[in-house]
Amino acid sequence: VQLQESGPGLVKLSQTLSLTCTVSGDSLTTNNYAWIWSRQPPGKGLEWIGHIGSSGSTSYSPSLKSRIPISRDTSKNQFTLQLSSVSPEDTAVYYCVHYYGVWGYWGQGTQVTVSS
């Protein structure tokens, strides 16, 4: 299974960040799997942002819930994170992850920097 994040590396303050994870080698709709967005700000630990399950159900971090939908396009086998009203605190390396009981397969990560 391979995951690849894509999106802008630089986002302006207060704008919306949009990242896409393209999955190969497995289907987003495979039962009992989940597809995670996470991030790691500079000098800090890994933070779970949210996930979308095989049924399309979603779950989000309470601290980010008001700013994020996670959606998917099953025809393209992609899932997408949209984070609105970004601030410098959203600067981080963003990862998409395939969960099947463990945080299994990871994308390589993509650096996102919020500029003023």
C-alpha atoms as a PDB file:
ATOM      1  CA  VAL A   1       0.000   0.000   0.000  1.00  0.00           C
ATOM      2  CA  GLN A   2       1.293   3.430  -0.897  1.00  0.00           C
ATOM      3  CA  LEU A   3       0.043   6.833   0.149  1.00  0.00           C
ATOM      4  CA  GLN A   4       1.097  10.142  -1.353  1.00  0.00           C
ATOM      5  CA  GLU A   5       0.207  13.573   0.010  1.00  0.00           C
ATOM      6  CA  SER A   6      -0.146  16.522  -2.341  1.00  0.00           C
ATOM      7  CA  GLY A   7      -0.987  20.153  -1.865  1.00  0.00           C
ATOM      8  CA  PRO A   8       0.534  23.607  -1.547  1.00  0.00           C
ATOM      9  CA  GLY A   9       3.620  23.989   0.558  1.00  0.00           C
ATOM     10  CA  LEU A  10       2.793  27.584   1.409  1.00  0.00           C
ATOM     11  CA  VAL A  11      -0.573  28.911   2.546  1.00  0.00           C
ATOM     12  CA  LYS A  12      -1.406  32.478   3.484  1.00  0.00           C
ATOM     13  CA  LEU A  13      -2.734  33.426   6.879  1.00  0.00           C
ATOM     14  CA  SER A  14      -6.495  32.890   7.333  1.00  0.00           C
ATOM     15  CA  GLN A  15      -6.861  31.001   4.065  1.00  0.00           C
ATOM     16  CA  THR A  16      -7.948  27.384   3.634  1.00  0.00           C
ATOM     17  CA  LEU A  17      -5.413  24.602   3.333  1.00  0.00           C
ATOM     18  CA  SER A  18      -6.369  21.703   1.105  1.00  0.00           C
ATOM     19  CA  LEU A  19      -4.356  18.475   1.037  1.00  0.00           C
ATOM     20  CA  THR A  20      -5.060  15.300  -0.886  1.00  0.00           C
ATOM     21  CA  CYS A  21      -3.838  11.788  -0.174  1.00  0.00           C
ATOM     22  CA  THR A  22      -3.749   9.424  -3.132  1.00  0.00           C
ATOM     23  CA  VAL A  23      -3.860   5.747  -2.193  1.00  0.00           C
ATOM     24  CA  SER A  24      -2.645   2.814  -4.257  1.00  0.00           C
ATOM     25  CA  GLY A  25      -2.634  -0.859  -3.411  1.00  0.00           C
ATOM     26  CA  ASP A  26      -5.856  -0.850  -1.387  1.00  0.00           C
ATOM     27  CA  SER A  27      -9.326   0.649  -1.503  1.00  0.00           C
ATOM     28  CA  LEU A  28     -10.698   3.390   0.711  1.00  0.00           C
ATOM     29  CA  THR A  29     -13.834   1.307   1.100  1.00  0.00           C
ATOM     30  CA  THR A  30     -12.181  -1.872   2.412  1.00  0.00           C
ATOM     31  CA  ASN A  31     -14.026  -2.875   5.574  1.00  0.00           C
ATOM     32  CA  ASN A  32     -12.661  -1.951   8.989  1.00  0.00           C
ATOM     33  CA  TYR A  33      -9.978   0.322   7.671  1.00  0.00           C
ATOM     34  CA  ALA A  34      -9.578   4.003   8.370  1.00  0.00           C
ATOM     35  CA  TRP A  35      -7.630   6.725   6.682  1.00  0.00           C
ATOM     36  CA  ILE A  36      -5.988   9.261   8.944  1.00  0.00           C
ATOM     37  CA  TRP A  37      -4.680  12.783   8.639  1.00  0.00           C
ATOM     38  CA  SER A  38      -2.035  13.718  11.175  1.00  0.00           C
ATOM     39  CA  ARG A  39       0.591  16.431  11.519  1.00  0.00           C
ATOM     40  CA  GLN A  40       3.777  17.255  13.341  1.00  0.00           C
ATOM     41  CA  PRO A  41       4.563  20.902  14.038  1.00  0.00           C
ATOM     42  CA  PRO A  42       8.237  21.856  14.315  1.00  0.00           C
ATOM     43  CA  GLY A  43       9.662  20.763  17.637  1.00  0.00           C
ATOM     44  CA  LYS A  44       6.429  19.078  18.732  1.00  0.00           C
ATOM     45  CA  GLY A  45       4.903  15.630  18.748  1.00  0.00           C
ATOM     46  CA  LEU A  46       2.588  13.984  16.275  1.00  0.00           C
ATOM     47  CA  GLU A  47      -1.017  15.201  16.372  1.00  0.00           C
ATOM     48  CA  TRP A  48      -4.025  13.254  15.119  1.00  0.00           C
ATOM     49  CA  ILE A  49      -6.246  15.550  13.055  1.00  0.00           C
ATOM     50  CA  GLY A  50      -9.018  13.132  12.115  1.00  0.00           C
ATOM     51  CA  HIS A  51      -9.935  10.182   9.987  1.00  0.00           C
ATOM     52  CA  ILE A  52     -12.446   8.838   7.525  1.00  0.00           C
ATOM     53  CA  GLY A  53     -13.573   5.265   7.792  1.00  0.00           C
ATOM     54  CA  SER A  54     -14.346   2.685   5.146  1.00  0.00           C
ATOM     55  CA  SER A  55     -18.036   3.605   5.324  1.00  0.00           C
ATOM     56  CA  GLY A  56     -17.284   7.287   4.864  1.00  0.00           C
ATOM     57  CA  SER A  57     -17.897   8.185   8.495  1.00  0.00           C
ATOM     58  CA  THR A  58     -15.561  10.778   9.967  1.00  0.00           C
ATOM     59  CA  SER A  59     -14.070  11.626  13.328  1.00  0.00           C
ATOM     60  CA  TYR A  60     -12.114  14.737  14.200  1.00  0.00           C
ATOM     61  CA  SER A  61      -9.868  16.125  16.882  1.00  0.00           C
ATOM     62  CA  PRO A  62     -12.001  18.273  19.191  1.00  0.00           C
ATOM     63  CA  SER A  63      -9.487  21.103  18.984  1.00  0.00           C
ATOM     64  CA  LEU A  64      -9.715  21.232  15.183  1.00  0.00           C
ATOM     65  CA  LYS A  65     -13.247  20.025  14.574  1.00  0.00           C
ATOM     66  CA  SER A  66     -14.691  23.427  13.769  1.00  0.00           C
ATOM     67  CA  ARG A  67     -12.160  23.997  10.983  1.00  0.00           C
ATOM     68  CA  ILE A  68     -11.853  20.677   9.179  1.00  0.00           C
ATOM     69  CA  PRO A  69     -13.848  18.427   6.938  1.00  0.00           C
ATOM     70  CA  ILE A  70     -12.227  15.250   5.669  1.00  0.00           C
ATOM     71  CA  SER A  71     -13.790  13.924   2.508  1.00  0.00           C
ATOM     72  CA  ARG A  72     -13.051  11.282  -0.082  1.00  0.00           C
ATOM     73  CA  ASP A  73     -13.371  10.520  -3.761  1.00  0.00           C
ATOM     74  CA  THR A  74     -13.687   6.769  -4.079  1.00  0.00           C
ATOM     75  CA  SER A  75     -13.485   6.909  -7.874  1.00  0.00           C
ATOM     76  CA  LYS A  76      -9.967   8.325  -7.542  1.00  0.00           C
ATOM     77  CA  ASN A  77      -9.122   6.495  -4.311  1.00  0.00           C
ATOM     78  CA  GLN A  78      -8.243   9.806  -2.690  1.00  0.00           C
ATOM     79  CA  PHE A  79      -9.145  11.462   0.574  1.00  0.00           C
ATOM     80  CA  THR A  80      -8.829  15.144   1.295  1.00  0.00           C
ATOM     81  CA  LEU A  81      -8.260  17.425   4.262  1.00  0.00           C
ATOM     82  CA  GLN A  82      -9.496  20.988   4.237  1.00  0.00           C
ATOM     83  CA  LEU A  83      -8.340  23.190   7.114  1.00  0.00           C
ATOM     84  CA  SER A  84      -9.849  26.660   7.201  1.00  0.00           C
ATOM     85  CA  SER A  85      -8.663  29.881   8.811  1.00  0.00           C
ATOM     86  CA  VAL A  86      -5.055  28.755   9.063  1.00  0.00           C
ATOM     87  CA  SER A  87      -2.626  30.432  11.444  1.00  0.00           C
ATOM     88  CA  PRO A  88       1.118  30.027  12.027  1.00  0.00           C
ATOM     89  CA  GLU A  89       0.251  27.274  14.530  1.00  0.00           C
ATOM     90  CA  ASP A  90      -0.882  25.152  11.581  1.00  0.00           C
ATOM     91  CA  THR A  91       2.634  25.081  10.157  1.00  0.00           C
ATOM     92  CA  ALA A  92       3.637  21.419  10.225  1.00  0.00           C
ATOM     93  CA  VAL A  93       4.508  18.328   8.259  1.00  0.00           C
ATOM     94  CA  TYR A  94       1.215  16.713   7.330  1.00  0.00           C
ATOM     95  CA  TYR A  95       0.896  12.939   6.938  1.00  0.00           C
ATOM     96  CA  CYS A  96      -1.785  10.627   5.661  1.00  0.00           C
ATOM     97  CA  VAL A  97      -1.856   7.202   7.255  1.00  0.00           C
ATOM     98  CA  HIS A  98      -3.562   3.879   6.600  1.00  0.00           C
ATOM     99  CA  TYR A  99      -5.011   2.444   9.809  1.00  0.00           C
ATOM    100  CA  TYR A 100      -5.900  -1.243  10.123  1.00  0.00           C
ATOM    101  CA  GLY A 101      -5.578  -1.734  13.853  1.00  0.00           C
ATOM    102  CA  VAL A 102      -2.215  -0.033  13.869  1.00  0.00           C
ATOM    103  CA  TRP A 103      -0.917   3.099  12.211  1.00  0.00           C
ATOM    104  CA  GLY A 104       0.357   1.021   9.348  1.00  0.00           C
ATOM    105  CA  TYR A 105       1.268   2.638   6.055  1.00  0.00           C
ATOM    106  CA  TRP A 106       2.339   6.261   5.947  1.00  0.00           C
ATOM    107  CA  GLY A 107       2.778   8.827   3.241  1.00  0.00           C
ATOM    108  CA  GLN A 108       6.143  10.550   3.097  1.00  0.00           C
ATOM    109  CA  GLY A 109       4.674  13.719   4.557  1.00  0.00           C
ATOM    110  CA  THR A 110       4.328  17.166   3.102  1.00  0.00           C
ATOM    111  CA  GLN A 111       5.578  20.390   4.662  1.00  0.00           C
ATOM    112  CA  VAL A 112       2.992  23.138   4.970  1.00  0.00           C
ATOM    113  CA  THR A 113       4.018  26.612   6.046  1.00  0.00           C
ATOM    114  CA  VAL A 114       1.559  29.363   6.889  1.00  0.00           C
ATOM    115  CA  SER A 115       2.789  32.792   5.878  1.00  0.00           C
ATOM    116  CA  SER A 116       1.563  36.158   7.014  1.00  0.00           C
END
